[in-house]
Structure formats: structure tokens, C-alpha cells
């Protein structure tokens, strides 16, 4: 399961949305992400990504992701993931 760390600023923004159904839908989207279903996402700049929702005003949530890599660090990333996996088993 993917861990989402929400900032106070984000929670205040979400709580400030007046339409209850919109808040529910955005929270459901975050629930899906936690289960690995990212849906429609788009890289922006400097490690910031956009999570897009196509209803109402066309809602967007912005996030950064830790724990990824590319081909140049693939073996290091795999080794780290295996090590982390073993610590979770303990």
C-alpha cells in the first residue's frame, strides 16, 4: 500500500471545499492511489506531479513522490527496496 503524507495546507484546502460530494470524490481518489491505482497523472516540473480529476471544475491535486528511480539507479533502487522489504517483515 502506498503511504500518503498530507500537509496541513492540503487538508485545509480540502476541508474548505464547500461541496461535500466533491470532497468525497477527491478523498476516494486518494484512497485509490493508496491501493496503487494512480489514474490520470501528469509530471509538471521539479518533481511536482498533477493528479487530475475530470468532474465539476476540473479538480487538480499536486504532489511529490519519494522512492522512485530511473534506469541509471535501477540496481541500487532494487537493493534498497529489498532491504526495506526485509525490515517490514521483522
PDB file of N, CA and C in Angstrom:
ATOM      1  N   UNK A   1       0.849  -1.177   0.000  1.00  0.00           N
ATOM      2  CA  UNK A   1       0.000   0.000   0.000  1.00  0.00           C
ATOM      3  C   UNK A   1       0.893   1.237   0.000  1.00  0.00           C
ATOM      4  N   UNK A   2       0.514   2.226  -0.743  1.00  0.00           N
ATOM      5  CA  UNK A   2       1.254   3.476  -0.852  1.00  0.00           C
ATOM      6  C   UNK A   2       0.876   4.382   0.316  1.00  0.00           C
ATOM      7  N   UNK A   3       1.894   4.971   0.931  1.00  0.00           N
ATOM      8  CA  UNK A   3       1.655   5.881   2.050  1.00  0.00           C
ATOM      9  C   UNK A   3       1.548   7.309   1.524  1.00  0.00           C
ATOM     10  N   UNK A   4       0.495   7.984   1.909  1.00  0.00           N
ATOM     11  CA  UNK A   4       0.297   9.383   1.539  1.00  0.00           C
ATOM     12  C   UNK A   4       0.472  10.229   2.791  1.00  0.00           C
ATOM     13  N   UNK A   5       1.399  11.174   2.713  1.00  0.00           N
ATOM     14  CA  UNK A   5       1.602  12.118   3.816  1.00  0.00           C
ATOM     15  C   UNK A   5       0.989  13.449   3.390  1.00  0.00           C
ATOM     16  N   UNK A   6      -0.077  13.809   4.057  1.00  0.00           N
ATOM     17  CA  UNK A   6      -0.802  15.022   3.691  1.00  0.00           C
ATOM     18  C   UNK A   6      -0.344  16.188   4.553  1.00  0.00           C
ATOM     19  N   UNK A   7      -0.098  17.312   3.906  1.00  0.00           N
ATOM     20  CA  UNK A   7       0.279  18.525   4.617  1.00  0.00           C
ATOM     21  C   UNK A   7      -0.959  19.217   5.166  1.00  0.00           C
ATOM     22  N   UNK A   8      -0.765  19.979   6.222  1.00  0.00           N
ATOM     23  CA  UNK A   8      -1.861  20.742   6.817  1.00  0.00           C
ATOM     24  C   UNK A   8      -2.495  21.656   5.776  1.00  0.00           C
ATOM     25  N   UNK A   9      -1.663  22.265   4.947  1.00  0.00           N
ATOM     26  CA  UNK A   9      -2.164  23.163   3.905  1.00  0.00           C
ATOM     27  C   UNK A   9      -3.125  22.432   2.964  1.00  0.00           C
ATOM     28  N   UNK A  10      -2.789  21.205   2.603  1.00  0.00           N
ATOM     29  CA  UNK A  10      -3.662  20.421   1.733  1.00  0.00           C
ATOM     30  C   UNK A  10      -4.981  20.103   2.430  1.00  0.00           C
ATOM     31  N   UNK A  11      -4.895  19.648   3.682  1.00  0.00           N
ATOM     32  CA  UNK A  11      -6.115  19.313   4.428  1.00  0.00           C
ATOM     33  C   UNK A  11      -7.020  20.529   4.588  1.00  0.00           C
ATOM     34  N   UNK A  12      -6.427  21.694   4.819  1.00  0.00           N
ATOM     35  CA  UNK A  12      -7.226  22.918   4.931  1.00  0.00           C
ATOM     36  C   UNK A  12      -7.894  23.248   3.601  1.00  0.00           C
ATOM     37  N   UNK A  13      -7.164  23.053   2.502  1.00  0.00           N
ATOM     38  CA  UNK A  13      -7.746  23.291   1.181  1.00  0.00           C
ATOM     39  C   UNK A  13      -8.922  22.341   0.949  1.00  0.00           C
ATOM     40  N   UNK A  14      -8.705  21.064   1.229  1.00  0.00           N
ATOM     41  CA  UNK A  14      -9.746  20.064   1.005  1.00  0.00           C
ATOM     42  C   UNK A  14     -10.957  20.327   1.895  1.00  0.00           C
ATOM     43  N   UNK A  15     -10.706  20.638   3.156  1.00  0.00           N
ATOM     44  CA  UNK A  15     -11.808  20.932   4.085  1.00  0.00           C
ATOM     45  C   UNK A  15     -12.567  22.189   3.682  1.00  0.00           C
ATOM     46  N   UNK A  16     -11.898  23.082   2.958  1.00  0.00           N
ATOM     47  CA  UNK A  16     -12.528  24.332   2.543  1.00  0.00           C
ATOM     48  C   UNK A  16     -13.432  24.201   1.327  1.00  0.00           C
ATOM     49  N   UNK A  17     -13.435  23.041   0.694  1.00  0.00           N
ATOM     50  CA  UNK A  17     -14.317  22.824  -0.457  1.00  0.00           C
ATOM     51  C   UNK A  17     -15.735  22.670   0.070  1.00  0.00           C
ATOM     52  N   UNK A  18     -16.619  23.530  -0.395  1.00  0.00           N
ATOM     53  CA  UNK A  18     -17.974  23.579   0.159  1.00  0.00           C
ATOM     54  C   UNK A  18     -18.830  22.379  -0.226  1.00  0.00           C
ATOM     55  N   UNK A  19     -18.622  21.876  -1.436  1.00  0.00           N
ATOM     56  CA  UNK A  19     -19.454  20.775  -1.916  1.00  0.00           C
ATOM     57  C   UNK A  19     -18.982  19.451  -1.308  1.00  0.00           C
ATOM     58  N   UNK A  20     -19.824  18.842  -0.499  1.00  0.00           N
ATOM     59  CA  UNK A  20     -19.483  17.604   0.192  1.00  0.00           C
ATOM     60  C   UNK A  20     -19.165  16.473  -0.784  1.00  0.00           C
ATOM     61  N   UNK A  21     -19.916  16.359  -1.872  1.00  0.00           N
ATOM     62  CA  UNK A  21     -19.685  15.287  -2.841  1.00  0.00           C
ATOM     63  C   UNK A  21     -18.311  15.439  -3.502  1.00  0.00           C
ATOM     64  N   UNK A  22     -17.883  16.667  -3.742  1.00  0.00           N
ATOM     65  CA  UNK A  22     -16.556  16.889  -4.313  1.00  0.00           C
ATOM     66  C   UNK A  22     -15.477  16.424  -3.345  1.00  0.00           C
ATOM     67  N   UNK A  23     -15.606  16.767  -2.073  1.00  0.00           N
ATOM     68  CA  UNK A  23     -14.639  16.313  -1.068  1.00  0.00           C
ATOM     69  C   UNK A  23     -14.596  14.786  -1.010  1.00  0.00           C
ATOM     70  N   UNK A  24     -15.757  14.156  -1.062  1.00  0.00           N
ATOM     71  CA  UNK A  24     -15.824  12.690  -1.036  1.00  0.00           C
ATOM     72  C   UNK A  24     -15.100  12.105  -2.244  1.00  0.00           C
ATOM     73  N   UNK A  25     -15.356  12.657  -3.422  1.00  0.00           N
ATOM     74  CA  UNK A  25     -14.731  12.130  -4.640  1.00  0.00           C
ATOM     75  C   UNK A  25     -13.217  12.297  -4.618  1.00  0.00           C
ATOM     76  N   UNK A  26     -12.743  13.437  -4.123  1.00  0.00           N
ATOM     77  CA  UNK A  26     -11.299  13.657  -4.055  1.00  0.00           C
ATOM     78  C   UNK A  26     -10.656  12.720  -3.031  1.00  0.00           C
ATOM     79  N   UNK A  27     -11.322  12.501  -1.917  1.00  0.00           N
ATOM     80  CA  UNK A  27     -10.805  11.548  -0.926  1.00  0.00           C
ATOM     81  C   UNK A  27     -10.816  10.125  -1.469  1.00  0.00           C
ATOM     82  N   UNK A  28     -11.819   9.781  -2.249  1.00  0.00           N
ATOM     83  CA  UNK A  28     -11.859   8.445  -2.872  1.00  0.00           C
ATOM     84  C   UNK A  28     -10.699   8.273  -3.839  1.00  0.00           C
ATOM     85  N   UNK A  29     -10.370   9.351  -4.539  1.00  0.00           N
ATOM     86  CA  UNK A  29      -9.226   9.286  -5.457  1.00  0.00           C
ATOM     87  C   UNK A  29      -7.946   9.004  -4.679  1.00  0.00           C
ATOM     88  N   UNK A  30      -7.775   9.665  -3.546  1.00  0.00           N
ATOM     89  CA  UNK A  30      -6.591   9.418  -2.717  1.00  0.00           C
ATOM     90  C   UNK A  30      -6.580   7.986  -2.193  1.00  0.00           C
ATOM     91  N   UNK A  31      -7.757   7.451  -1.872  1.00  0.00           N
ATOM     92  CA  UNK A  31      -7.852   6.049  -1.448  1.00  0.00           C
ATOM     93  C   UNK A  31      -7.386   5.114  -2.566  1.00  0.00           C
ATOM     94  N   UNK A  32      -7.775   5.418  -3.804  1.00  0.00           N
ATOM     95  CA  UNK A  32      -7.357   4.597  -4.943  1.00  0.00           C
ATOM     96  C   UNK A  32      -5.843   4.645  -5.121  1.00  0.00           C
ATOM     97  N   UNK A  33      -5.267   5.829  -4.958  1.00  0.00           N
ATOM     98  CA  UNK A  33      -3.816   5.963  -5.075  1.00  0.00           C
ATOM     99  C   UNK A  33      -3.121   5.103  -4.027  1.00  0.00           C
ATOM    100  N   UNK A  34      -3.633   5.100  -2.813  1.00  0.00           N
ATOM    101  CA  UNK A  34      -3.032   4.274  -1.763  1.00  0.00           C
ATOM    102  C   UNK A  34      -3.021   2.801  -2.148  1.00  0.00           C
ATOM    103  N   UNK A  35      -3.979   2.393  -2.954  1.00  0.00           N
ATOM    104  CA  UNK A  35      -4.050   0.995  -3.403  1.00  0.00           C
ATOM    105  C   UNK A  35      -3.269   0.771  -4.699  1.00  0.00           C
ATOM    106  N   UNK A  36      -2.594   1.825  -5.192  1.00  0.00           N
ATOM    107  CA  UNK A  36      -1.755   1.681  -6.376  1.00  0.00           C
ATOM    108  C   UNK A  36      -2.398   2.077  -7.681  1.00  0.00           C
ATOM    109  N   UNK A  37      -3.630   2.544  -7.649  1.00  0.00           N
ATOM    110  CA  UNK A  37      -4.326   2.977  -8.859  1.00  0.00           C
ATOM    111  C   UNK A  37      -4.196   4.496  -8.978  1.00  0.00           C
ATOM    112  N   UNK A  38      -3.181   4.937  -9.719  1.00  0.00           N
ATOM    113  CA  UNK A  38      -2.878   6.366  -9.809  1.00  0.00           C
ATOM    114  C   UNK A  38      -3.873   7.131 -10.668  1.00  0.00           C
ATOM    115  N   UNK A  39      -4.478   6.489 -11.639  1.00  0.00           N
ATOM    116  CA  UNK A  39      -5.400   7.206 -12.517  1.00  0.00           C
ATOM    117  C   UNK A  39      -4.656   8.186 -13.408  1.00  0.00           C
ATOM    118  N   UNK A  40      -5.291   9.300 -13.718  1.00  0.00           N
ATOM    119  CA  UNK A  40      -4.732  10.287 -14.634  1.00  0.00           C
ATOM    120  C   UNK A  40      -3.762  11.203 -13.886  1.00  0.00           C
ATOM    121  N   UNK A  41      -2.477  11.076 -14.200  1.00  0.00           N
ATOM    122  CA  UNK A  41      -1.457  11.922 -13.579  1.00  0.00           C
ATOM    123  C   UNK A  41      -0.570  12.511 -14.668  1.00  0.00           C
ATOM    124  N   UNK A  42       0.107  13.599 -14.321  1.00  0.00           N
ATOM    125  CA  UNK A  42       0.936  14.281 -15.307  1.00  0.00           C
ATOM    126  C   UNK A  42       2.123  14.927 -14.592  1.00  0.00           C
ATOM    127  N   UNK A  43       3.358  14.687 -15.087  1.00  0.00           N
ATOM    128  CA  UNK A  43       4.508  15.361 -14.481  1.00  0.00           C
ATOM    129  C   UNK A  43       4.500  16.836 -14.865  1.00  0.00           C
ATOM    130  N   UNK A  44       4.868  17.695 -13.917  1.00  0.00           N
ATOM    131  CA  UNK A  44       4.899  19.126 -14.193  1.00  0.00           C
ATOM    132  C   UNK A  44       6.344  19.623 -14.236  1.00  0.00           C
ATOM    133  N   UNK A  45       6.912  19.925 -13.066  1.00  0.00           N
ATOM    134  CA  UNK A  45       8.296  20.401 -13.026  1.00  0.00           C
ATOM    135  C   UNK A  45       8.888  20.183 -11.646  1.00  0.00           C
ATOM    136  N   UNK A  46      10.203  20.066 -11.597  1.00  0.00           N
ATOM    137  CA  UNK A  46      10.941  19.952 -10.338  1.00  0.00           C
ATOM    138  C   UNK A  46      10.373  18.885  -9.401  1.00  0.00           C
ATOM    139  N   UNK A  47       9.945  17.759  -9.951  1.00  0.00           N
ATOM    140  CA  UNK A  47       9.446  16.664  -9.135  1.00  0.00           C
ATOM    141  C   UNK A  47       7.993  16.783  -8.708  1.00  0.00           C
ATOM    142  N   UNK A  48       7.311  17.832  -9.163  1.00  0.00           N
ATOM    143  CA  UNK A  48       5.893  18.023  -8.826  1.00  0.00           C
ATOM    144  C   UNK A  48       5.040  17.369  -9.904  1.00  0.00           C
ATOM    145  N   UNK A  49       4.026  16.636  -9.454  1.00  0.00           N
ATOM    146  CA  UNK A  49       3.089  15.956 -10.345  1.00  0.00           C
ATOM    147  C   UNK A  49       1.691  16.503 -10.123  1.00  0.00           C
ATOM    148  N   UNK A  50       0.867  16.337 -11.133  1.00  0.00           N
ATOM    149  CA  UNK A  50      -0.526  16.771 -11.072  1.00  0.00           C
ATOM    150  C   UNK A  50      -1.419  15.538 -11.166  1.00  0.00           C
ATOM    151  N   UNK A  51      -2.333  15.412 -10.235  1.00  0.00           N
ATOM    152  CA  UNK A  51      -3.332  14.353 -10.237  1.00  0.00           C
ATOM    153  C   UNK A  51      -4.628  15.008 -10.716  1.00  0.00           C
ATOM    154  N   UNK A  52      -5.124  14.559 -11.865  1.00  0.00           N
ATOM    155  CA  UNK A  52      -6.243  15.250 -12.495  1.00  0.00           C
ATOM    156  C   UNK A  52      -7.555  14.503 -12.308  1.00  0.00           C
ATOM    157  N   UNK A  53      -8.580  15.276 -11.996  1.00  0.00           N
ATOM    158  CA  UNK A  53      -9.944  14.759 -11.874  1.00  0.00           C
ATOM    159  C   UNK A  53     -10.826  15.543 -12.834  1.00  0.00           C
ATOM    160  N   UNK A  54     -11.549  14.835 -13.672  1.00  0.00           N
ATOM    161  CA  UNK A  54     -12.347  15.479 -14.708  1.00  0.00           C
ATOM    162  C   UNK A  54     -13.824  15.477 -14.346  1.00  0.00           C
ATOM    163  N   UNK A  55     -14.159  16.233 -13.314  1.00  0.00           N
ATOM    164  CA  UNK A  55     -15.557  16.466 -12.959  1.00  0.00           C
ATOM    165  C   UNK A  55     -15.636  17.865 -12.381  1.00  0.00           C
ATOM    166  N   UNK A  56     -16.820  18.415 -12.377  1.00  0.00           N
ATOM    167  CA  UNK A  56     -17.007  19.755 -11.818  1.00  0.00           C
ATOM    168  C   UNK A  56     -16.074  20.759 -12.465  1.00  0.00           C
ATOM    169  N   UNK A  57     -15.302  21.427 -11.634  1.00  0.00           N
ATOM    170  CA  UNK A  57     -14.402  22.480 -12.105  1.00  0.00           C
ATOM    171  C   UNK A  57     -13.111  21.924 -12.713  1.00  0.00           C
ATOM    172  N   UNK A  58     -12.987  20.612 -12.807  1.00  0.00           N
ATOM    173  CA  UNK A  58     -11.750  20.014 -13.303  1.00  0.00           C
ATOM    174  C   UNK A  58     -10.683  20.077 -12.225  1.00  0.00           C
ATOM    175  N   UNK A  59     -10.902  19.369 -11.157  1.00  0.00           N
ATOM    176  CA  UNK A  59     -10.069  19.448  -9.959  1.00  0.00           C
ATOM    177  C   UNK A  59      -8.670  18.902 -10.198  1.00  0.00           C
ATOM    178  N   UNK A  60      -7.693  19.529  -9.538  1.00  0.00           N
ATOM    179  CA  UNK A  60      -6.300  19.107  -9.608  1.00  0.00           C
ATOM    180  C   UNK A  60      -5.737  19.023  -8.198  1.00  0.00           C
ATOM    181  N   UNK A  61      -4.956  17.982  -7.949  1.00  0.00           N
ATOM    182  CA  UNK A  61      -4.216  17.859  -6.697  1.00  0.00           C
ATOM    183  C   UNK A  61      -2.751  17.687  -7.079  1.00  0.00           C
ATOM    184  N   UNK A  62      -1.874  18.378  -6.385  1.00  0.00           N
ATOM    185  CA  UNK A  62      -0.452  18.368  -6.710  1.00  0.00           C
ATOM    186  C   UNK A  62       0.315  17.623  -5.631  1.00  0.00           C
ATOM    187  N   UNK A  63       1.336  16.881  -6.060  1.00  0.00           N
ATOM    188  CA  UNK A  63       2.071  16.062  -5.104  1.00  0.00           C
ATOM    189  C   UNK A  63       3.499  15.842  -5.571  1.00  0.00           C
ATOM    190  N   UNK A  64       4.326  15.387  -4.640  1.00  0.00           N
ATOM    191  CA  UNK A  64       5.661  14.907  -4.967  1.00  0.00           C
ATOM    192  C   UNK A  64       5.725  13.453  -4.526  1.00  0.00           C
ATOM    193  N   UNK A  65       6.642  12.721  -5.124  1.00  0.00           N
ATOM    194  CA  UNK A  65       6.744  11.297  -4.825  1.00  0.00           C
ATOM    195  C   UNK A  65       8.172  10.976  -4.405  1.00  0.00           C
ATOM    196  N   UNK A  66       8.304  10.240  -3.324  1.00  0.00           N
ATOM    197  CA  UNK A  66       9.610   9.757  -2.877  1.00  0.00           C
ATOM    198  C   UNK A  66       9.663   8.261  -3.133  1.00  0.00           C
ATOM    199  N   UNK A  67      10.844   7.769  -3.435  1.00  0.00           N
ATOM    200  CA  UNK A  67      11.000   6.324  -3.578  1.00  0.00           C
ATOM    201  C   UNK A  67      10.858   5.833  -4.994  1.00  0.00           C
ATOM    202  N   UNK A  68      11.343   6.606  -5.933  1.00  0.00           N
ATOM    203  CA  UNK A  68      11.317   6.136  -7.311  1.00  0.00           C
ATOM    204  C   UNK A  68      12.742   6.182  -7.857  1.00  0.00           C
ATOM    205  N   UNK A  69      12.916   5.856  -9.099  1.00  0.00           N
ATOM    206  CA  UNK A  69      14.240   5.883  -9.698  1.00  0.00           C
ATOM    207  C   UNK A  69      14.131   5.768 -11.201  1.00  0.00           C
ATOM    208  N   UNK A  70      15.290   5.726 -11.838  1.00  0.00           N
ATOM    209  CA  UNK A  70      15.310   5.529 -13.282  1.00  0.00           C
ATOM    210  C   UNK A  70      16.320   4.424 -13.605  1.00  0.00           C
ATOM    211  N   UNK A  71      16.530   4.193 -14.861  1.00  0.00           N
ATOM    212  CA  UNK A  71      17.373   3.079 -15.290  1.00  0.00           C
ATOM    213  C   UNK A  71      18.797   3.193 -14.735  1.00  0.00           C
ATOM    214  N   UNK A  72      19.299   4.424 -14.585  1.00  0.00           N
ATOM    215  CA  UNK A  72      20.684   4.601 -14.143  1.00  0.00           C
ATOM    216  C   UNK A  72      20.901   4.152 -12.699  1.00  0.00           C
ATOM    217  N   UNK A  73      19.855   4.151 -11.893  1.00  0.00           N
ATOM    218  CA  UNK A  73      19.978   3.746 -10.483  1.00  0.00           C
ATOM    219  C   UNK A  73      19.145   2.501 -10.178  1.00  0.00           C
ATOM    220  N   UNK A  74      18.765   1.778 -11.211  1.00  0.00           N
ATOM    221  CA  UNK A  74      17.829   0.670 -11.047  1.00  0.00           C
ATOM    222  C   UNK A  74      18.304  -0.369 -10.031  1.00  0.00           C
ATOM    223  N   UNK A  75      19.549  -0.833 -10.142  1.00  0.00           N
ATOM    224  CA  UNK A  75      20.009  -1.874  -9.228  1.00  0.00           C
ATOM    225  C   UNK A  75      20.071  -1.361  -7.795  1.00  0.00           C
ATOM    226  N   UNK A  76      20.509  -0.116  -7.603  1.00  0.00           N
ATOM    227  CA  UNK A  76      20.526   0.473  -6.263  1.00  0.00           C
ATOM    228  C   UNK A  76      19.107   0.569  -5.711  1.00  0.00           C
ATOM    229  N   UNK A  77      18.168   0.960  -6.562  1.00  0.00           N
ATOM    230  CA  UNK A  77      16.770   1.075  -6.138  1.00  0.00           C
ATOM    231  C   UNK A  77      16.208  -0.288  -5.737  1.00  0.00           C
ATOM    232  N   UNK A  78      16.536  -1.309  -6.520  1.00  0.00           N
ATOM    233  CA  UNK A  78      16.062  -2.663  -6.217  1.00  0.00           C
ATOM    234  C   UNK A  78      16.665  -3.141  -4.901  1.00  0.00           C
ATOM    235  N   UNK A  79      17.976  -2.930  -4.731  1.00  0.00           N
ATOM    236  CA  UNK A  79      18.638  -3.350  -3.490  1.00  0.00           C
ATOM    237  C   UNK A  79      18.013  -2.659  -2.281  1.00  0.00           C
ATOM    238  N   UNK A  80      17.744  -1.376  -2.409  1.00  0.00           N
ATOM    239  CA  UNK A  80      17.123  -0.627  -1.305  1.00  0.00           C
ATOM    240  C   UNK A  80      15.711  -1.149  -1.031  1.00  0.00           C
ATOM    241  N   UNK A  81      14.956  -1.426  -2.088  1.00  0.00           N
ATOM    242  CA  UNK A  81      13.593  -1.934  -1.914  1.00  0.00           C
ATOM    243  C   UNK A  81      13.603  -3.289  -1.207  1.00  0.00           C
ATOM    244  N   UNK A  82      14.547  -4.148  -1.583  1.00  0.00           N
ATOM    245  CA  UNK A  82      14.655  -5.459  -0.934  1.00  0.00           C
ATOM    246  C   UNK A  82      14.996  -5.280   0.540  1.00  0.00           C
ATOM    247  N   UNK A  83      15.934  -4.387   0.836  1.00  0.00           N
ATOM    248  CA  UNK A  83      16.319  -4.126   2.225  1.00  0.00           C
ATOM    249  C   UNK A  83      15.126  -3.598   3.027  1.00  0.00           C
ATOM    250  N   UNK A  84      14.399  -2.655   2.458  1.00  0.00           N
ATOM    251  CA  UNK A  84      13.217  -2.119   3.137  1.00  0.00           C
ATOM    252  C   UNK A  84      12.164  -3.199   3.345  1.00  0.00           C
ATOM    253  N   UNK A  85      11.999  -4.053   2.346  1.00  0.00           N
ATOM    254  CA  UNK A  85      11.029  -5.138   2.447  1.00  0.00           C
ATOM    255  C   UNK A  85      11.360  -6.056   3.617  1.00  0.00           C
ATOM    256  N   UNK A  86      12.635  -6.351   3.793  1.00  0.00           N
ATOM    257  CA  UNK A  86      13.049  -7.223   4.894  1.00  0.00           C
ATOM    258  C   UNK A  86      12.795  -6.570   6.243  1.00  0.00           C
ATOM    259  N   UNK A  87      12.962  -5.253   6.346  1.00  0.00           N
ATOM    260  CA  UNK A  87      12.695  -4.578   7.620  1.00  0.00           C
ATOM    261  C   UNK A  87      11.205  -4.584   7.932  1.00  0.00           C
ATOM    262  N   UNK A  88      10.375  -4.560   6.900  1.00  0.00           N
ATOM    263  CA  UNK A  88       8.931  -4.602   7.120  1.00  0.00           C
ATOM    264  C   UNK A  88       8.479  -5.969   7.606  1.00  0.00           C
ATOM    265  N   UNK A  89       9.190  -7.013   7.207  1.00  0.00           N
ATOM    266  CA  UNK A  89       8.839  -8.371   7.619  1.00  0.00           C
ATOM    267  C   UNK A  89       9.146  -8.615   9.086  1.00  0.00           C
ATOM    268  N   UNK A  90      10.114  -7.885   9.636  1.00  0.00           N
ATOM    269  CA  UNK A  90      10.514  -8.072  11.045  1.00  0.00           C
ATOM    270  C   UNK A  90       9.476  -7.579  12.012  1.00  0.00           C
TER     271      UNK A  90
END
